[in-house]
Amino acid sequence: MRTIALANQKGGVGKTTTAVNLATALAASGKTVVLIDFDPQGNASTGFGVPREERAPSSYEILSDPTVTGQAARETVIPGLFLIPATDALAGAEVELIGQPNSAGRLKAAIQRLPQVDYVFIDCPPSLSLLTLNALVAADGVLIPLQTEFYAMEGLSQLLKTIEQVRARQNPKLDIEGVVLTMHDKRNRLSDLVAADVRAALGARVFETMIPRNVRLSEAPSHGIPALLYDMRCPGSEAYMALAREVMGVSREPALTGTA
């Protein structure tokens, strides 16, 4: 089982879209996957059509009682893909956890209660919070969605430094799974320039697959299904299938330092 946190403290970079569709693509490839919605906004849960009143037990409950983790993981319409949804109660978890024993290791304890699966994905909130710290402590790797826009690299250095600190103090096995470039517009020269800059800075840690700007990716959540079910032949869906193949075959290189 490999646990991967999808993290970027900058919002609107396609993090949840990547979590939902990458998990779907891996399940479609025959893998068993659990997606944990760990963002109080609950967008990943909405993306699978789970009504807010039907989300308990959720990722909030598993932090205080790891024994309900198996019950919280419910089947989705995709065979082999399970979802632990989020509610807005998760927003209060950080305050409740402060000062509690093992406050940064609660999610890891919950994940250890899951049955054996191939992948666990954690959709983190857009912040370097105690929730994100829990995800980094629980994870084997971090997948970083990065939008191909002018401010793409802003904040990335801080995220990399946080990963280094977690590796040094709490989770020595934590690695960089890779950086995926999102919302790429091939008609826009700036997108290509940003992509080139990111590859120059981060090298082989950047996935070859780039996720394009695609209206079908934006439409799918309103229908409560992943884009791969909404339109499997759209460019966005095809890109996530290609990314899934890269994730399954990704090579492990020495971890990045905390600089960009």
Protein backbone atom coordinates (compact mmCIF):
# COMPACT_ATOMS: atom_id res chain seq x y z
CA MET A 1 0.00 0.00 0.00
CA ARG A 2 1.32 3.43 -0.94
CA THR A 3 -0.15 6.51 0.73
CA ILE A 4 0.08 9.73 -1.28
CA ALA A 5 -0.87 13.20 -0.06
CA LEU A 6 -1.94 15.74 -2.67
CA ALA A 7 -0.79 19.06 -1.26
CA ASN A 8 -0.33 22.67 -2.27
CA GLN A 9 -1.16 25.54 0.03
CA LYS A 10 -2.17 27.63 -2.99
CA GLY A 11 -5.85 27.13 -3.80
CA GLY A 12 -7.34 26.70 -7.24
CA VAL A 13 -4.50 24.67 -8.72
CA GLY A 14 -6.53 21.57 -9.60
CA LYS A 15 -5.63 19.60 -6.48
CA THR A 16 -9.07 18.08 -5.88
CA THR A 17 -9.67 17.53 -9.60
CA THR A 18 -6.38 15.64 -9.67
CA ALA A 19 -7.23 13.62 -6.55
CA VAL A 20 -10.64 12.57 -7.89
CA ASN A 21 -9.59 11.73 -11.42
CA LEU A 22 -6.22 10.17 -10.65
CA ALA A 23 -7.86 7.90 -8.07
CA THR A 24 -10.52 7.01 -10.64
CA ALA A 25 -7.94 6.31 -13.34
CA LEU A 26 -5.94 4.00 -11.05
CA ALA A 27 -9.08 2.12 -10.02
CA ALA A 28 -10.00 1.78 -13.71
CA SER A 29 -6.53 0.27 -14.22
CA GLY A 30 -7.36 -2.49 -11.74
CA LYS A 31 -5.90 -1.00 -8.57
CA THR A 32 -7.74 -0.81 -5.25
CA VAL A 33 -7.82 2.80 -4.08
CA VAL A 34 -9.06 4.74 -1.04
CA LEU A 35 -9.48 8.50 -1.43
CA ILE A 36 -9.63 10.46 1.82
CA ASP A 37 -11.28 13.86 1.51
CA PHE A 38 -9.28 15.82 4.10
CA ASP A 39 -10.42 19.30 3.12
CA PRO A 40 -13.25 20.86 5.19
CA GLN A 41 -14.73 22.23 1.95
CA GLY A 42 -15.51 18.63 0.99
CA ASN A 43 -15.11 19.17 -2.74
CA ALA A 44 -13.84 15.67 -3.44
CA SER A 45 -16.95 14.28 -1.74
CA THR A 46 -19.12 16.53 -3.90
CA GLY A 47 -17.21 15.29 -6.93
CA PHE A 48 -18.48 11.80 -6.18
CA GLY A 49 -22.04 12.98 -5.60
CA VAL A 50 -22.15 12.30 -1.85
CA PRO A 51 -24.79 14.56 -0.22
CA ARG A 52 -23.55 16.50 2.80
CA GLU A 53 -26.16 14.92 5.07
CA GLU A 54 -24.85 11.44 4.17
CA ARG A 55 -21.14 11.92 4.89
CA ALA A 56 -20.91 10.56 8.44
CA PRO A 57 -18.76 8.88 9.55
CA SER A 58 -16.31 11.14 7.79
CA SER A 59 -12.64 12.05 7.89
CA TYR A 60 -13.44 14.13 10.97
CA GLU A 61 -14.63 11.11 12.95
CA ILE A 62 -11.64 8.93 12.07
CA LEU A 63 -9.29 11.47 13.68
CA SER A 64 -10.88 10.96 17.10
CA ASP A 65 -11.81 7.29 16.67
CA PRO A 66 -9.63 5.31 14.24
CA THR A 67 -11.79 2.22 14.74
CA VAL A 68 -14.50 3.73 12.49
CA THR A 69 -12.12 4.09 9.53
CA GLY A 70 -13.35 0.95 7.80
CA GLN A 71 -16.95 2.05 8.23
CA ALA A 72 -16.15 5.54 6.92
CA ALA A 73 -14.70 4.17 3.66
CA ARG A 74 -17.69 3.70 1.40
CA GLU A 75 -17.93 2.31 -2.11
CA THR A 76 -18.19 4.67 -5.06
CA VAL A 77 -19.65 4.05 -8.50
CA ILE A 78 -16.14 3.05 -9.63
CA PRO A 79 -15.31 -0.58 -8.77
CA GLY A 80 -12.27 -0.74 -6.51
CA LEU A 81 -12.47 2.92 -5.46
CA PHE A 82 -13.56 3.85 -1.94
CA LEU A 83 -14.13 7.32 -0.50
CA ILE A 84 -13.85 8.67 3.04
CA PRO A 85 -15.83 11.92 2.73
CA ALA A 86 -15.38 15.22 4.54
CA THR A 87 -17.77 17.50 6.37
CA ASP A 88 -17.33 21.08 7.56
CA ALA A 89 -16.80 19.68 11.08
CA LEU A 90 -13.25 18.96 9.92
CA ALA A 91 -12.55 22.69 10.15
CA GLY A 92 -12.79 22.47 13.95
CA ALA A 93 -10.49 19.48 14.18
CA GLU A 94 -7.34 21.59 14.26
CA VAL A 95 -8.47 23.49 17.34
CA GLU A 96 -9.56 20.27 19.02
CA LEU A 97 -6.26 18.51 18.27
CA ILE A 98 -3.97 21.24 19.60
CA GLY A 99 -2.33 19.99 22.76
CA GLN A 100 -3.68 16.47 22.34
CA PRO A 101 -1.31 13.47 22.41
CA ASN A 102 0.00 12.52 18.97
CA SER A 103 -1.96 15.37 17.36
CA ALA A 104 -0.01 15.07 14.10
CA GLY A 105 -0.28 11.28 13.92
CA ARG A 106 -4.04 10.82 14.13
CA LEU A 107 -4.60 10.28 10.41
CA LYS A 108 -1.75 7.79 10.21
CA ALA A 109 -3.35 5.74 13.00
CA ALA A 110 -6.64 5.78 11.11
CA ILE A 111 -5.08 4.70 7.80
CA GLN A 112 -3.42 1.78 9.54
CA ARG A 113 -6.95 0.51 10.23
CA LEU A 114 -7.75 0.23 6.53
CA PRO A 115 -7.71 -3.16 4.84
CA GLN A 116 -4.84 -3.72 2.44
CA VAL A 117 -5.27 -1.64 -0.71
CA ASP A 118 -2.91 -0.52 -3.47
CA TYR A 119 -3.16 3.24 -2.99
CA VAL A 120 -4.46 5.71 -0.42
CA PHE A 121 -4.82 9.30 -1.64
CA ILE A 122 -5.28 12.21 0.78
CA ASP A 123 -6.81 15.38 -0.65
CA CYS A 124 -5.33 18.06 1.62
CA PRO A 125 -6.75 21.51 2.34
CA PRO A 126 -5.12 24.51 0.59
CA SER A 127 -2.98 25.45 3.59
CA LEU A 128 0.03 24.27 5.58
CA SER A 129 -2.16 23.46 8.58
CA LEU A 130 -2.32 20.74 11.21
CA LEU A 131 -4.55 18.80 8.83
CA THR A 132 -1.90 18.94 6.12
CA LEU A 133 0.73 18.00 8.69
CA ASN A 134 -1.33 14.92 9.59
CA ALA A 135 -1.40 13.99 5.91
CA LEU A 136 2.36 14.42 5.52
CA VAL A 137 3.06 12.32 8.62
CA ALA A 138 0.78 9.57 7.25
CA ALA A 139 2.06 9.64 3.66
CA ASP A 140 4.80 7.81 1.82
CA GLY A 141 4.89 10.50 -0.86
CA VAL A 142 3.59 13.94 -1.77
CA LEU A 143 2.09 14.70 -5.16
CA ILE A 144 2.11 18.45 -5.86
CA PRO A 145 -0.32 19.88 -8.43
CA LEU A 146 1.17 23.07 -9.84
CA GLN A 147 -0.74 25.44 -12.11
CA THR A 148 1.14 26.67 -15.19
CA GLU A 149 0.73 30.34 -14.41
CA PHE A 150 3.03 33.21 -13.43
CA TYR A 151 2.76 32.62 -9.66
CA ALA A 152 3.24 28.85 -9.93
CA MET A 153 6.52 28.73 -8.05
CA GLU A 154 5.40 31.12 -5.30
CA GLY A 155 4.88 29.15 -2.14
CA LEU A 156 6.43 25.98 -3.52
CA SER A 157 9.66 26.60 -1.61
CA GLN A 158 7.72 26.78 1.66
CA LEU A 159 5.93 23.52 0.90
CA LEU A 160 9.22 21.80 0.10
CA LYS A 161 10.75 23.11 3.34
CA THR A 162 7.75 21.80 5.28
CA ILE A 163 8.20 18.39 3.66
CA GLU A 164 11.88 18.42 4.64
CA GLN A 165 10.98 19.31 8.24
CA VAL A 166 8.42 16.51 8.46
CA ARG A 167 10.95 14.09 6.98
CA ALA A 168 13.58 15.13 9.53
CA ARG A 169 11.36 15.10 12.59
CA GLN A 170 8.34 12.85 12.10
CA ASN A 171 8.33 10.80 8.90
CA PRO A 172 11.76 9.88 7.50
CA LYS A 173 10.25 7.84 4.64
CA LEU A 174 8.36 10.85 3.18
CA ASP A 175 9.30 11.40 -0.45
CA ILE A 176 8.26 13.65 -3.32
CA GLU A 177 5.97 11.55 -5.51
CA GLY A 178 6.14 14.17 -8.22
CA VAL A 179 4.90 17.53 -9.45
CA VAL A 180 2.04 17.54 -11.96
CA LEU A 181 1.52 20.62 -14.10
CA THR A 182 -2.17 21.52 -14.29
CA MET A 183 -4.44 23.89 -16.23
CA HIS A 184 -1.96 23.98 -19.08
CA ASP A 185 -3.11 26.04 -22.05
CA LYS A 186 -1.08 25.13 -25.09
CA ARG A 187 -2.41 28.24 -26.88
CA ASN A 188 -0.82 30.43 -24.24
CA ARG A 189 2.94 30.94 -24.58
CA LEU A 190 3.17 31.81 -20.88
CA SER A 191 1.97 28.31 -19.95
CA ASP A 192 4.81 26.79 -21.94
CA LEU A 193 7.34 29.18 -20.40
CA VAL A 194 6.17 28.37 -16.85
CA ALA A 195 6.25 24.64 -17.60
CA ALA A 196 9.81 24.97 -18.90
CA ASP A 197 10.87 26.93 -15.81
CA VAL A 198 9.37 24.33 -13.46
CA ARG A 199 11.08 21.48 -15.31
CA ALA A 200 14.38 23.37 -15.23
CA ALA A 201 14.06 23.86 -11.47
CA LEU A 202 12.71 20.44 -10.46
CA GLY A 203 13.97 18.16 -13.21
CA ALA A 204 12.78 14.57 -13.31
CA ARG A 205 10.44 15.13 -10.37
CA VAL A 206 7.98 16.78 -12.77
CA PHE A 207 5.65 14.30 -14.47
CA GLU A 208 5.77 14.26 -18.26
CA THR A 209 1.98 14.38 -18.41
CA MET A 210 0.45 17.86 -18.20
CA ILE A 211 -3.22 18.34 -17.39
CA PRO A 212 -4.81 20.71 -19.91
CA ARG A 213 -7.42 23.36 -19.31
CA ASN A 214 -10.57 21.48 -20.22
CA VAL A 215 -14.19 22.49 -19.72
CA ARG A 216 -15.26 18.87 -19.22
CA LEU A 217 -13.05 18.65 -16.12
CA SER A 218 -14.87 21.69 -14.73
CA GLU A 219 -18.34 20.39 -15.62
CA ALA A 220 -18.01 16.89 -14.16
CA PRO A 221 -18.25 17.81 -10.42
CA SER A 222 -21.64 19.45 -10.97
CA HIS A 223 -22.89 16.03 -12.09
CA GLY A 224 -21.37 14.27 -9.07
CA ILE A 225 -19.09 12.04 -11.10
CA PRO A 226 -15.39 12.10 -12.07
CA ALA A 227 -14.51 13.44 -15.51
CA LEU A 228 -13.46 9.95 -16.58
CA LEU A 229 -17.09 8.86 -16.26
CA TYR A 230 -18.54 12.13 -17.53
CA ASP A 231 -16.47 12.09 -20.73
CA MET A 232 -13.69 9.54 -20.84
CA ARG A 233 -12.45 10.72 -24.23
CA CYS A 234 -12.02 14.40 -23.41
CA PRO A 235 -8.42 15.68 -23.25
CA GLY A 236 -8.57 16.03 -19.45
CA SER A 237 -9.65 12.42 -18.91
CA GLU A 238 -7.02 11.14 -21.32
CA ALA A 239 -4.38 13.17 -19.48
CA TYR A 240 -5.34 11.66 -16.10
CA MET A 241 -5.16 8.15 -17.54
CA ALA A 242 -1.66 8.96 -18.78
CA LEU A 243 -0.74 10.39 -15.37
CA ALA A 244 -2.00 7.21 -13.69
CA ARG A 245 0.34 5.17 -15.88
CA GLU A 246 3.23 7.41 -14.82
CA VAL A 247 2.33 7.09 -11.14
CA MET A 248 2.25 3.30 -11.40
CA GLY A 249 5.65 3.27 -13.06
CA VAL A 250 7.29 6.26 -11.41
CA SER A 251 10.93 5.79 -10.45
CA ARG A 252 12.10 6.73 -6.97
CA GLU A 253 14.95 9.28 -7.00
CA PRO A 254 16.68 11.01 -4.10
CA ALA A 255 14.29 13.37 -2.34
CA LEU A 256 14.18 17.05 -3.24
CA THR A 257 15.75 19.54 -0.92
CA GLY A 258 13.65 22.31 0.54
CA THR A 259 14.49 24.81 -2.16
CA ALA A 260 13.01 25.69 -5.49
